[in-house]
Amino acid sequence: MKLCVGIPAIVLEVKEDTAIVEVNGVKKEVDCLLVSEIKNGDYVIVHAGAIIGKISESEYKELVNLLREMEEAVTY
């Protein structure tokens, strides 16, 4: 079984069919064709260079905290 991980991000800027998102302080251009009505300030999930869904601010915060906990658990 393979596991695919989606990363929580914040949309900073929407261009035609791409968006600039921020993930943990890093800005990245991603495709936004899979999800309609993406706008600046949206919280999204990014996978394989594309936005695959919108999430709420509380879901974003929860996911960021979980990822930090996971990182701390595997850091030696």
PDB file of N, CA and C in Angstrom:
ATOM      1  N   MET A   1       0.836  -1.175   0.000  1.00  0.00           N
ATOM      2  CA  MET A   1       0.000   0.000   0.000  1.00  0.00           C
ATOM      3  C   MET A   1       0.882   1.239   0.000  1.00  0.00           C
ATOM      4  N   LYS A   2       0.550   2.204  -0.850  1.00  0.00           N
ATOM      5  CA  LYS A   2       1.283   3.459  -0.908  1.00  0.00           C
ATOM      6  C   LYS A   2       0.472   4.526  -0.195  1.00  0.00           C
ATOM      7  N   LEU A   3       1.180   5.440   0.436  1.00  0.00           N
ATOM      8  CA  LEU A   3       0.541   6.538   1.137  1.00  0.00           C
ATOM      9  C   LEU A   3       0.917   7.834   0.454  1.00  0.00           C
ATOM     10  N   CYS A   4      -0.055   8.630   0.099  1.00  0.00           N
ATOM     11  CA  CYS A   4       0.184   9.941  -0.493  1.00  0.00           C
ATOM     12  C   CYS A   4      -0.133  10.996   0.562  1.00  0.00           C
ATOM     13  N   VAL A   5       0.739  11.962   0.684  1.00  0.00           N
ATOM     14  CA  VAL A   5       0.573  12.983   1.705  1.00  0.00           C
ATOM     15  C   VAL A   5       0.251  14.319   1.049  1.00  0.00           C
ATOM     16  N   GLY A   6      -0.829  14.926   1.483  1.00  0.00           N
ATOM     17  CA  GLY A   6      -1.168  16.279   1.069  1.00  0.00           C
ATOM     18  C   GLY A   6      -0.643  17.246   2.112  1.00  0.00           C
ATOM     19  N   ILE A   7      -0.137  18.378   1.667  1.00  0.00           N
ATOM     20  CA  ILE A   7       0.479  19.349   2.555  1.00  0.00           C
ATOM     21  C   ILE A   7      -0.420  20.578   2.683  1.00  0.00           C
ATOM     22  N   PRO A   8      -0.673  21.045   3.908  1.00  0.00           N
ATOM     23  CA  PRO A   8      -1.475  22.254   4.078  1.00  0.00           C
ATOM     24  C   PRO A   8      -0.683  23.488   3.639  1.00  0.00           C
ATOM     25  N   ALA A   9      -1.358  24.405   2.973  1.00  0.00           N
ATOM     26  CA  ALA A   9      -0.715  25.618   2.467  1.00  0.00           C
ATOM     27  C   ALA A   9      -1.701  26.776   2.492  1.00  0.00           C
ATOM     28  N   ILE A  10      -1.154  27.985   2.366  1.00  0.00           N
ATOM     29  CA  ILE A  10      -1.963  29.196   2.268  1.00  0.00           C
ATOM     30  C   ILE A  10      -1.742  29.786   0.877  1.00  0.00           C
ATOM     31  N   VAL A  11      -2.814  30.179   0.209  1.00  0.00           N
ATOM     32  CA  VAL A  11      -2.718  30.792  -1.112  1.00  0.00           C
ATOM     33  C   VAL A  11      -2.335  32.259  -0.943  1.00  0.00           C
ATOM     34  N   LEU A  12      -1.224  32.643  -1.570  1.00  0.00           N
ATOM     35  CA  LEU A  12      -0.768  34.028  -1.512  1.00  0.00           C
ATOM     36  C   LEU A  12      -1.215  34.831  -2.722  1.00  0.00           C
ATOM     37  N   GLU A  13      -1.221  34.168  -3.877  1.00  0.00           N
ATOM     38  CA  GLU A  13      -1.555  34.866  -5.129  1.00  0.00           C
ATOM     39  C   GLU A  13      -2.109  33.863  -6.127  1.00  0.00           C
ATOM     40  N   VAL A  14      -3.184  34.245  -6.790  1.00  0.00           N
ATOM     41  CA  VAL A  14      -3.763  33.393  -7.828  1.00  0.00           C
ATOM     42  C   VAL A  14      -3.464  34.008  -9.177  1.00  0.00           C
ATOM     43  N   LYS A  15      -2.897  33.189 -10.051  1.00  0.00           N
ATOM     44  CA  LYS A  15      -2.685  33.593 -11.441  1.00  0.00           C
ATOM     45  C   LYS A  15      -3.757  32.866 -12.242  1.00  0.00           C
ATOM     46  N   GLU A  16      -3.642  32.788 -13.543  1.00  0.00           N
ATOM     47  CA  GLU A  16      -4.704  32.179 -14.349  1.00  0.00           C
ATOM     48  C   GLU A  16      -5.042  30.763 -13.894  1.00  0.00           C
ATOM     49  N   ASP A  17      -4.150  29.827 -14.112  1.00  0.00           N
ATOM     50  CA  ASP A  17      -4.413  28.444 -13.718  1.00  0.00           C
ATOM     51  C   ASP A  17      -3.381  27.924 -12.727  1.00  0.00           C
ATOM     52  N   THR A  18      -2.650  28.850 -12.118  1.00  0.00           N
ATOM     53  CA  THR A  18      -1.680  28.502 -11.079  1.00  0.00           C
ATOM     54  C   THR A  18      -1.863  29.431  -9.893  1.00  0.00           C
ATOM     55  N   ALA A  19      -1.257  29.038  -8.800  1.00  0.00           N
ATOM     56  CA  ALA A  19      -1.295  29.873  -7.595  1.00  0.00           C
ATOM     57  C   ALA A  19       0.065  29.792  -6.910  1.00  0.00           C
ATOM     58  N   ILE A  20       0.419  30.866  -6.228  1.00  0.00           N
ATOM     59  CA  ILE A  20       1.593  30.860  -5.367  1.00  0.00           C
ATOM     60  C   ILE A  20       1.084  30.541  -3.962  1.00  0.00           C
ATOM     61  N   VAL A  21       1.619  29.483  -3.381  1.00  0.00           N
ATOM     62  CA  VAL A  21       1.221  29.099  -2.025  1.00  0.00           C
ATOM     63  C   VAL A  21       2.439  29.152  -1.120  1.00  0.00           C
ATOM     64  N   GLU A  22       2.169  29.237   0.176  1.00  0.00           N
ATOM     65  CA  GLU A  22       3.238  29.205   1.171  1.00  0.00           C
ATOM     66  C   GLU A  22       3.068  27.980   2.047  1.00  0.00           C
ATOM     67  N   VAL A  23       4.159  27.234   2.141  1.00  0.00           N
ATOM     68  CA  VAL A  23       4.202  26.043   2.977  1.00  0.00           C
ATOM     69  C   VAL A  23       5.387  26.181   3.910  1.00  0.00           C
ATOM     70  N   ASN A  24       5.117  26.360   5.190  1.00  0.00           N
ATOM     71  CA  ASN A  24       6.185  26.443   6.181  1.00  0.00           C
ATOM     72  C   ASN A  24       7.229  27.494   5.804  1.00  0.00           C
ATOM     73  N   GLY A  25       6.769  28.651   5.326  1.00  0.00           N
ATOM     74  CA  GLY A  25       7.667  29.740   4.971  1.00  0.00           C
ATOM     75  C   GLY A  25       8.254  29.671   3.574  1.00  0.00           C
ATOM     76  N   VAL A  26       7.979  28.602   2.837  1.00  0.00           N
ATOM     77  CA  VAL A  26       8.500  28.433   1.482  1.00  0.00           C
ATOM     78  C   VAL A  26       7.384  28.701   0.481  1.00  0.00           C
ATOM     79  N   LYS A  27       7.684  29.549  -0.517  1.00  0.00           N
ATOM     80  CA  LYS A  27       6.700  29.855  -1.548  1.00  0.00           C
ATOM     81  C   LYS A  27       6.909  28.930  -2.746  1.00  0.00           C
ATOM     82  N   LYS A  28       5.784  28.463  -3.299  1.00  0.00           N
ATOM     83  CA  LYS A  28       5.837  27.502  -4.400  1.00  0.00           C
ATOM     84  C   LYS A  28       4.683  27.783  -5.355  1.00  0.00           C
ATOM     85  N   GLU A  29       4.951  27.690  -6.660  1.00  0.00           N
ATOM     86  CA  GLU A  29       3.887  27.823  -7.648  1.00  0.00           C
ATOM     87  C   GLU A  29       3.285  26.451  -7.909  1.00  0.00           C
ATOM     88  N   VAL A  30       1.969  26.353  -7.821  1.00  0.00           N
ATOM     89  CA  VAL A  30       1.272  25.081  -8.001  1.00  0.00           C
ATOM     90  C   VAL A  30       0.088  25.263  -8.944  1.00  0.00           C
ATOM     91  N   ASP A  31      -0.378  24.167  -9.486  1.00  0.00           N
ATOM     92  CA  ASP A  31      -1.543  24.153 -10.362  1.00  0.00           C
ATOM     93  C   ASP A  31      -2.808  24.294  -9.516  1.00  0.00           C
ATOM     94  N   CYS A  32      -3.786  25.046 -10.006  1.00  0.00           N
ATOM     95  CA  CYS A  32      -5.034  25.181  -9.243  1.00  0.00           C
ATOM     96  C   CYS A  32      -6.265  24.864 -10.090  1.00  0.00           C
ATOM     97  N   LEU A  33      -6.102  24.036 -11.103  1.00  0.00           N
ATOM     98  CA  LEU A  33      -7.216  23.692 -11.987  1.00  0.00           C
ATOM     99  C   LEU A  33      -8.182  22.683 -11.390  1.00  0.00           C
ATOM    100  N   LEU A  34      -7.741  21.899 -10.416  1.00  0.00           N
ATOM    101  CA  LEU A  34      -8.592  20.842  -9.863  1.00  0.00           C
ATOM    102  C   LEU A  34      -9.658  21.352  -8.902  1.00  0.00           C
ATOM    103  N   VAL A  35      -9.452  22.541  -8.372  1.00  0.00           N
ATOM    104  CA  VAL A  35     -10.389  23.093  -7.383  1.00  0.00           C
ATOM    105  C   VAL A  35     -10.868  24.458  -7.875  1.00  0.00           C
ATOM    106  N   SER A  36     -12.170  24.647  -7.907  1.00  0.00           N
ATOM    107  CA  SER A  36     -12.718  25.904  -8.410  1.00  0.00           C
ATOM    108  C   SER A  36     -12.699  27.001  -7.355  1.00  0.00           C
ATOM    109  N   GLU A  37     -12.692  28.207  -7.825  1.00  0.00           N
ATOM    110  CA  GLU A  37     -12.818  29.400  -6.999  1.00  0.00           C
ATOM    111  C   GLU A  37     -11.735  29.527  -5.928  1.00  0.00           C
ATOM    112  N   ILE A  38     -10.486  29.305  -6.287  1.00  0.00           N
ATOM    113  CA  ILE A  38      -9.371  29.537  -5.370  1.00  0.00           C
ATOM    114  C   ILE A  38      -9.094  31.032  -5.342  1.00  0.00           C
ATOM    115  N   LYS A  39      -8.883  31.579  -4.136  1.00  0.00           N
ATOM    116  CA  LYS A  39      -8.583  33.006  -4.018  1.00  0.00           C
ATOM    117  C   LYS A  39      -7.502  33.226  -2.968  1.00  0.00           C
ATOM    118  N   ASN A  40      -6.912  34.415  -3.000  1.00  0.00           N
ATOM    119  CA  ASN A  40      -5.879  34.768  -2.030  1.00  0.00           C
ATOM    120  C   ASN A  40      -6.407  34.575  -0.611  1.00  0.00           C
ATOM    121  N   GLY A  41      -5.574  33.980   0.237  1.00  0.00           N
ATOM    122  CA  GLY A  41      -5.953  33.770   1.624  1.00  0.00           C
ATOM    123  C   GLY A  41      -6.608  32.432   1.895  1.00  0.00           C
ATOM    124  N   ASP A  42      -6.952  31.681   0.852  1.00  0.00           N
ATOM    125  CA  ASP A  42      -7.556  30.363   1.057  1.00  0.00           C
ATOM    126  C   ASP A  42      -6.553  29.400   1.688  1.00  0.00           C
ATOM    127  N   TYR A  43      -7.062  28.496   2.483  1.00  0.00           N
ATOM    128  CA  TYR A  43      -6.266  27.400   3.044  1.00  0.00           C
ATOM    129  C   TYR A  43      -6.556  26.178   2.182  1.00  0.00           C
ATOM    130  N   VAL A  44      -5.484  25.517   1.744  1.00  0.00           N
ATOM    131  CA  VAL A  44      -5.635  24.431   0.778  1.00  0.00           C
ATOM    132  C   VAL A  44      -4.730  23.256   1.131  1.00  0.00           C
ATOM    133  N   ILE A  45      -4.995  22.137   0.458  1.00  0.00           N
ATOM    134  CA  ILE A  45      -4.123  20.967   0.524  1.00  0.00           C
ATOM    135  C   ILE A  45      -3.452  20.842  -0.834  1.00  0.00           C
ATOM    136  N   VAL A  46      -2.116  20.694  -0.816  1.00  0.00           N
ATOM    137  CA  VAL A  46      -1.335  20.563  -2.045  1.00  0.00           C
ATOM    138  C   VAL A  46      -0.735  19.164  -2.094  1.00  0.00           C
ATOM    139  N   HIS A  47      -0.854  18.538  -3.259  1.00  0.00           N
ATOM    140  CA  HIS A  47      -0.250  17.219  -3.478  1.00  0.00           C
ATOM    141  C   HIS A  47       0.275  17.175  -4.907  1.00  0.00           C
ATOM    142  N   ALA A  48       1.515  16.737  -5.067  1.00  0.00           N
ATOM    143  CA  ALA A  48       2.130  16.547  -6.385  1.00  0.00           C
ATOM    144  C   ALA A  48       2.035  17.800  -7.251  1.00  0.00           C
ATOM    145  N   GLY A  49       2.247  18.962  -6.631  1.00  0.00           N
ATOM    146  CA  GLY A  49       2.273  20.211  -7.386  1.00  0.00           C
ATOM    147  C   GLY A  49       0.930  20.780  -7.764  1.00  0.00           C
ATOM    148  N   ALA A  50      -0.133  20.295  -7.130  1.00  0.00           N
ATOM    149  CA  ALA A  50      -1.472  20.788  -7.444  1.00  0.00           C
ATOM    150  C   ALA A  50      -2.304  20.935  -6.175  1.00  0.00           C
ATOM    151  N   ILE A  51      -3.143  21.953  -6.170  1.00  0.00           N
ATOM    152  CA  ILE A  51      -4.115  22.108  -5.090  1.00  0.00           C
ATOM    153  C   ILE A  51      -5.193  21.054  -5.312  1.00  0.00           C
ATOM    154  N   ILE A  52      -5.437  20.241  -4.287  1.00  0.00           N
ATOM    155  CA  ILE A  52      -6.438  19.175  -4.444  1.00  0.00           C
ATOM    156  C   ILE A  52      -7.676  19.398  -3.580  1.00  0.00           C
ATOM    157  N   GLY A  53      -7.669  20.443  -2.745  1.00  0.00           N
ATOM    158  CA  GLY A  53      -8.843  20.721  -1.936  1.00  0.00           C
ATOM    159  C   GLY A  53      -8.663  21.948  -1.074  1.00  0.00           C
ATOM    160  N   LYS A  54      -9.787  22.522  -0.669  1.00  0.00           N
ATOM    161  CA  LYS A  54      -9.792  23.639   0.278  1.00  0.00           C
ATOM    162  C   LYS A  54     -10.062  23.088   1.672  1.00  0.00           C
ATOM    163  N   ILE A  55      -9.518  23.770   2.675  1.00  0.00           N
ATOM    164  CA  ILE A  55      -9.769  23.418   4.066  1.00  0.00           C
ATOM    165  C   ILE A  55     -10.039  24.693   4.850  1.00  0.00           C
ATOM    166  N   SER A  56     -10.559  24.541   6.049  1.00  0.00           N
ATOM    167  CA  SER A  56     -10.819  25.704   6.900  1.00  0.00           C
ATOM    168  C   SER A  56      -9.526  26.119   7.606  1.00  0.00           C
ATOM    169  N   GLU A  57      -9.546  27.291   8.182  1.00  0.00           N
ATOM    170  CA  GLU A  57      -8.388  27.772   8.938  1.00  0.00           C
ATOM    171  C   GLU A  57      -8.095  26.852  10.115  1.00  0.00           C
ATOM    172  N   SER A  58      -9.131  26.373  10.790  1.00  0.00           N
ATOM    173  CA  SER A  58      -8.901  25.478  11.937  1.00  0.00           C
ATOM    174  C   SER A  58      -8.310  24.146  11.489  1.00  0.00           C
ATOM    175  N   GLU A  59      -8.765  23.623  10.352  1.00  0.00           N
ATOM    176  CA  GLU A  59      -8.183  22.387   9.825  1.00  0.00           C
ATOM    177  C   GLU A  59      -6.721  22.611   9.447  1.00  0.00           C
ATOM    178  N   TYR A  60      -6.429  23.758   8.840  1.00  0.00           N
ATOM    179  CA  TYR A  60      -5.054  24.110   8.479  1.00  0.00           C
ATOM    180  C   TYR A  60      -4.159  24.101   9.713  1.00  0.00           C
ATOM    181  N   LYS A  61      -4.593  24.792  10.763  1.00  0.00           N
ATOM    182  CA  LYS A  61      -3.795  24.870  11.991  1.00  0.00           C
ATOM    183  C   LYS A  61      -3.584  23.489  12.607  1.00  0.00           C
ATOM    184  N   GLU A  62      -4.623  22.683  12.608  1.00  0.00           N
ATOM    185  CA  GLU A  62      -4.524  21.333  13.160  1.00  0.00           C
ATOM    186  C   GLU A  62      -3.523  20.486  12.367  1.00  0.00           C
ATOM    187  N   LEU A  63      -3.591  20.565  11.049  1.00  0.00           N
ATOM    188  CA  LEU A  63      -2.673  19.791  10.213  1.00  0.00           C
ATOM    189  C   LEU A  63      -1.228  20.256  10.368  1.00  0.00           C
ATOM    190  N   VAL A  64      -1.026  21.566  10.447  1.00  0.00           N
ATOM    191  CA  VAL A  64       0.332  22.103  10.650  1.00  0.00           C
ATOM    192  C   VAL A  64       0.892  21.600  11.976  1.00  0.00           C
ATOM    193  N   ASN A  65       0.081  21.625  13.021  1.00  0.00           N
ATOM    194  CA  ASN A  65       0.530  21.130  14.326  1.00  0.00           C
ATOM    195  C   ASN A  65       0.852  19.636  14.285  1.00  0.00           C
ATOM    196  N   LEU A  66       0.028  18.857  13.605  1.00  0.00           N
ATOM    197  CA  LEU A  66       0.288  17.418  13.478  1.00  0.00           C
ATOM    198  C   LEU A  66       1.585  17.152  12.729  1.00  0.00           C
ATOM    199  N   LEU A  67       1.832  17.894  11.654  1.00  0.00           N
ATOM    200  CA  LEU A  67       3.074  17.721  10.899  1.00  0.00           C
ATOM    201  C   LEU A  67       4.295  18.081  11.748  1.00  0.00           C
ATOM    202  N   ARG A  68       4.175  19.133  12.570  1.00  0.00           N
ATOM    203  CA  ARG A  68       5.281  19.506  13.469  1.00  0.00           C
ATOM    204  C   ARG A  68       5.539  18.402  14.496  1.00  0.00           C
ATOM    205  N   GLU A  69       4.476  17.847  15.044  1.00  0.00           N
ATOM    206  CA  GLU A  69       4.628  16.742  16.005  1.00  0.00           C
ATOM    207  C   GLU A  69       5.286  15.547  15.358  1.00  0.00           C
ATOM    208  N   MET A  70       4.889  15.233  14.127  1.00  0.00           N
ATOM    209  CA  MET A  70       5.504  14.112  13.418  1.00  0.00           C
ATOM    210  C   MET A  70       6.992  14.371  13.164  1.00  0.00           C
ATOM    211  N   GLU A  71       7.317  15.595  12.793  1.00  0.00           N
ATOM    212  CA  GLU A  71       8.714  15.944  12.547  1.00  0.00           C
ATOM    213  C   GLU A  71       9.539  15.796  13.831  1.00  0.00           C
ATOM    214  N   GLU A  72       8.992  16.266  14.926  1.00  0.00           N
ATOM    215  CA  GLU A  72       9.698  16.154  16.217  1.00  0.00           C
ATOM    216  C   GLU A  72       9.867  14.695  16.641  1.00  0.00           C
ATOM    217  N   ALA A  73       8.896  13.855  16.316  1.00  0.00           N
ATOM    218  CA  ALA A  73       8.955  12.455  16.714  1.00  0.00           C
ATOM    219  C   ALA A  73      10.047  11.695  15.971  1.00  0.00           C
ATOM    220  N   VAL A  74      10.364  12.105  14.745  1.00  0.00           N
ATOM    221  CA  VAL A  74      11.370  11.397  13.969  1.00  0.00           C
ATOM    222  C   VAL A  74      12.739  12.072  13.991  1.00  0.00           C
ATOM    223  N   THR A  75      12.830  13.242  14.597  1.00  0.00           N
ATOM    224  CA  THR A  75      14.099  13.943  14.706  1.00  0.00           C
ATOM    225  C   THR A  75      14.893  13.349  15.857  1.00  0.00           C
ATOM    226  N   TYR A  76      16.109  12.962  15.557  1.00  0.00           N
ATOM    227  CA  TYR A  76      16.941  12.323  16.586  1.00  0.00           C
ATOM    228  C   TYR A  76      17.827  13.322  17.267  1.00  0.00           C
TER     229      TYR A  76
END
